Amino acid sequence: MPADPFDAVLDLEDRFYQQGYQQGLQDGAQAGRIEGRCFGMQKGFDKFLESGRLASKAVVWANRLPQNLNDQPAAEAEAEGKRCMLPSLASNPRLDKNVKTLYALVEPDTMSTENTDEAVQDFDDRVKRAQGKARVIERMVG
């Protein structure tokens, strides 16, 4: 029995569907990699921005601690006209310890930039603990 001449026409829709499906898979995989990379870069930037913000706060607070301030009186600093000094913080050993701990948690040289599960988990944990320390310090400072 000869092949039906309409088989090719009837299979046309299925053939186009399969072709479109395969092309969609290839395009989706490519777009997914690009989109994933962009999303990863954005999330990484946000995380490092937060760690940098916390490290900066720690540096400012550390420089306002009484033992880190110069013995130069405020009147001399004003006379120079070049310095703008923030007021010193009250002497408090607990505050000193919390500021040092905060900086140790977000110190840029000790933060890992590896893209492994352990490194990312450690980074997130350190930032979360640092955020808690920053809240404690903010309450102590007022």
Foldseek 3Di string as FASTA:
>chain_A
DDDDPCPCVVCVVVVVVVVVVVVCVVVVVVVVVVVVVVVVVVVVVVLLVLLVVLLVVLVLLLCLEVVNDDPDDPVVVVVVVPDDDDHHADHDVVLNVLSVLLNVLSVPVPQDPDDDPVSVVSSVVSSVVSVVSVVVNVVVRD
